[in-house]
């Protein structure tokens, strides 16, 4: 849904990198190269980005009862 502020495994702050990662990958850049440029070296942080699914628009359609 929403990218966590810190990596669950190592605690490195990652949320501030999400927008730049998303923009570059949507333009067609290779995800590996983008993560290297952003300084995401650990596999746990990379997994947080690669496993992220944006569901906020889908969830926002439903009202809280």
N, C-alpha and C. Protein backbone atom coordinates (compact mmCIF):
# COMPACT_ATOMS: atom_id res chain seq x y z
N UNK A 1 0.83 -1.19 0.00
CA UNK A 1 0.00 0.00 0.00
C UNK A 1 0.87 1.25 0.00
N UNK A 2 1.39 1.61 1.12
CA UNK A 2 2.24 2.79 1.23
C UNK A 2 3.62 2.31 1.65
N UNK A 3 4.64 2.82 1.00
CA UNK A 3 6.01 2.38 1.30
C UNK A 3 6.34 2.73 2.75
N UNK A 4 6.90 1.80 3.49
CA UNK A 4 7.25 2.08 4.89
C UNK A 4 8.38 3.11 4.99
N UNK A 5 8.44 3.83 6.09
CA UNK A 5 9.46 4.84 6.29
C UNK A 5 10.84 4.20 6.36
N UNK A 6 10.92 3.07 7.05
CA UNK A 6 12.19 2.36 7.21
C UNK A 6 12.05 0.92 6.74
N UNK A 7 13.17 0.34 6.35
CA UNK A 7 13.21 -1.06 5.97
C UNK A 7 12.88 -1.91 7.20
N UNK A 8 12.06 -2.91 7.06
CA UNK A 8 11.66 -3.74 8.18
C UNK A 8 12.84 -4.53 8.75
N UNK A 9 13.77 -4.90 7.92
CA UNK A 9 14.87 -5.76 8.38
C UNK A 9 16.03 -4.98 8.99
N UNK A 10 16.53 -3.99 8.28
CA UNK A 10 17.75 -3.30 8.73
C UNK A 10 17.50 -1.93 9.35
N UNK A 11 16.34 -1.34 9.11
CA UNK A 11 16.02 -0.05 9.70
C UNK A 11 16.49 1.15 8.92
N UNK A 12 17.02 0.96 7.72
CA UNK A 12 17.49 2.08 6.91
C UNK A 12 16.29 2.89 6.39
N UNK A 13 16.34 4.22 6.47
CA UNK A 13 15.26 5.05 5.92
C UNK A 13 15.20 4.90 4.39
N UNK A 14 14.02 4.55 3.88
CA UNK A 14 13.88 4.31 2.44
C UNK A 14 12.72 5.06 1.79
N UNK A 15 11.79 5.56 2.58
CA UNK A 15 10.57 6.15 2.02
C UNK A 15 10.86 7.35 1.12
N UNK A 16 11.89 8.13 1.45
CA UNK A 16 12.19 9.33 0.66
C UNK A 16 12.73 8.99 -0.74
N UNK A 17 13.10 7.75 -0.96
CA UNK A 17 13.62 7.33 -2.26
C UNK A 17 12.54 6.77 -3.18
N UNK A 18 11.36 6.50 -2.65
CA UNK A 18 10.32 5.80 -3.41
C UNK A 18 9.85 6.58 -4.64
N UNK A 19 9.58 7.87 -4.49
CA UNK A 19 9.05 8.66 -5.61
C UNK A 19 10.03 8.69 -6.78
N UNK A 20 11.29 8.90 -6.50
CA UNK A 20 12.30 8.93 -7.56
C UNK A 20 12.42 7.57 -8.23
N UNK A 21 12.39 6.50 -7.44
CA UNK A 21 12.44 5.15 -7.99
C UNK A 21 11.25 4.89 -8.91
N UNK A 22 10.07 5.27 -8.44
CA UNK A 22 8.85 5.04 -9.22
C UNK A 22 8.87 5.81 -10.53
N UNK A 23 9.29 7.08 -10.49
CA UNK A 23 9.34 7.90 -11.70
C UNK A 23 10.29 7.32 -12.74
N UNK A 24 11.48 6.94 -12.29
CA UNK A 24 12.47 6.44 -13.23
C UNK A 24 12.08 5.09 -13.82
N UNK A 25 11.50 4.21 -13.02
CA UNK A 25 11.11 2.89 -13.56
C UNK A 25 9.90 3.00 -14.48
N UNK A 26 9.02 3.96 -14.23
CA UNK A 26 7.88 4.15 -15.13
C UNK A 26 8.32 4.69 -16.48
N UNK A 27 9.45 5.40 -16.51
CA UNK A 27 9.99 5.91 -17.77
C UNK A 27 10.76 4.84 -18.55
N UNK A 28 10.93 3.68 -17.93
CA UNK A 28 11.56 2.58 -18.63
C UNK A 28 12.97 2.23 -18.18
N UNK A 29 13.45 2.87 -17.14
CA UNK A 29 14.79 2.57 -16.64
C UNK A 29 14.79 1.20 -15.94
N UNK A 30 15.93 0.56 -15.96
CA UNK A 30 16.09 -0.74 -15.32
C UNK A 30 16.06 -0.55 -13.80
N UNK A 31 15.26 -1.36 -13.12
CA UNK A 31 15.09 -1.23 -11.67
C UNK A 31 16.41 -1.44 -10.93
N UNK A 32 17.24 -2.35 -11.40
CA UNK A 32 18.52 -2.61 -10.75
C UNK A 32 19.42 -1.38 -10.79
N UNK A 33 19.50 -0.75 -11.95
CA UNK A 33 20.34 0.44 -12.09
C UNK A 33 19.83 1.60 -11.24
N UNK A 34 18.51 1.75 -11.19
CA UNK A 34 17.92 2.83 -10.40
C UNK A 34 18.22 2.63 -8.92
N UNK A 35 18.07 1.40 -8.44
CA UNK A 35 18.36 1.13 -7.03
C UNK A 35 19.83 1.33 -6.71
N UNK A 36 20.71 0.99 -7.64
CA UNK A 36 22.14 1.24 -7.44
C UNK A 36 22.42 2.74 -7.33
N UNK A 37 21.78 3.55 -8.19
CA UNK A 37 21.96 4.99 -8.17
C UNK A 37 21.44 5.61 -6.87
N UNK A 38 20.36 5.05 -6.34
CA UNK A 38 19.76 5.58 -5.11
C UNK A 38 20.49 5.13 -3.86
N UNK A 39 21.41 4.19 -4.00
CA UNK A 39 22.18 3.73 -2.86
C UNK A 39 21.55 2.59 -2.10
N UNK A 40 20.61 1.90 -2.73
CA UNK A 40 20.00 0.73 -2.09
C UNK A 40 20.85 -0.49 -2.42
N UNK A 41 21.70 -0.86 -1.48
CA UNK A 41 22.63 -1.96 -1.71
C UNK A 41 22.19 -3.25 -1.05
N UNK A 42 21.50 -3.16 0.07
CA UNK A 42 21.10 -4.35 0.81
C UNK A 42 19.91 -5.03 0.14
N UNK A 43 19.91 -6.35 0.17
CA UNK A 43 18.83 -7.08 -0.49
C UNK A 43 17.49 -6.88 0.21
N UNK A 44 17.52 -6.59 1.53
CA UNK A 44 16.26 -6.38 2.25
C UNK A 44 15.58 -5.08 1.78
N UNK A 45 16.36 -4.04 1.58
CA UNK A 45 15.81 -2.76 1.10
C UNK A 45 15.33 -2.89 -0.35
N UNK A 46 16.09 -3.59 -1.14
CA UNK A 46 15.69 -3.80 -2.54
C UNK A 46 14.38 -4.58 -2.61
N UNK A 47 14.25 -5.55 -1.74
CA UNK A 47 13.02 -6.35 -1.70
C UNK A 47 11.80 -5.52 -1.32
N UNK A 48 12.01 -4.53 -0.45
CA UNK A 48 10.91 -3.64 -0.06
C UNK A 48 10.40 -2.87 -1.27
N UNK A 49 11.30 -2.44 -2.13
CA UNK A 49 10.91 -1.69 -3.33
C UNK A 49 10.31 -2.59 -4.39
N UNK A 50 10.91 -3.74 -4.61
CA UNK A 50 10.41 -4.62 -5.67
C UNK A 50 9.09 -5.29 -5.29
N UNK A 51 8.85 -5.47 -4.00
CA UNK A 51 7.62 -6.11 -3.54
C UNK A 51 6.48 -5.14 -3.29
N UNK A 52 6.72 -3.86 -3.48
CA UNK A 52 5.72 -2.84 -3.21
C UNK A 52 4.62 -2.86 -4.28
N UNK A 53 3.36 -2.85 -3.85
CA UNK A 53 2.22 -2.78 -4.75
C UNK A 53 1.37 -1.59 -4.32
N UNK A 54 1.09 -0.68 -5.24
CA UNK A 54 0.28 0.50 -4.92
C UNK A 54 -1.20 0.14 -4.95
N UNK A 55 -1.78 -0.02 -3.78
CA UNK A 55 -3.19 -0.34 -3.66
C UNK A 55 -4.00 0.81 -3.06
N UNK A 56 -3.36 1.94 -2.81
CA UNK A 56 -4.03 3.04 -2.13
C UNK A 56 -5.24 3.55 -2.92
N UNK A 57 -5.17 3.58 -4.24
CA UNK A 57 -6.29 4.04 -5.05
C UNK A 57 -7.46 3.07 -4.97
N UNK A 58 -7.17 1.78 -4.92
CA UNK A 58 -8.21 0.76 -4.82
C UNK A 58 -8.90 0.83 -3.46
N UNK A 59 -8.12 0.97 -2.42
CA UNK A 59 -8.67 1.00 -1.06
C UNK A 59 -9.44 2.29 -0.81
N UNK A 60 -9.02 3.37 -1.42
CA UNK A 60 -9.67 4.67 -1.23
C UNK A 60 -11.10 4.69 -1.76
N UNK A 61 -11.48 3.74 -2.59
CA UNK A 61 -12.82 3.69 -3.15
C UNK A 61 -13.87 3.27 -2.12
N UNK A 62 -13.44 2.59 -1.07
CA UNK A 62 -14.38 2.03 -0.09
C UNK A 62 -14.51 2.96 1.10
N UNK A 63 -15.74 3.10 1.58
CA UNK A 63 -16.01 3.92 2.75
C UNK A 63 -15.81 3.11 4.02
N UNK A 64 -15.45 3.81 5.06
CA UNK A 64 -15.37 3.17 6.37
C UNK A 64 -16.76 3.20 6.97
N UNK A 65 -17.27 2.07 7.34
CA UNK A 65 -18.64 1.99 7.83
C UNK A 65 -18.77 2.25 9.30
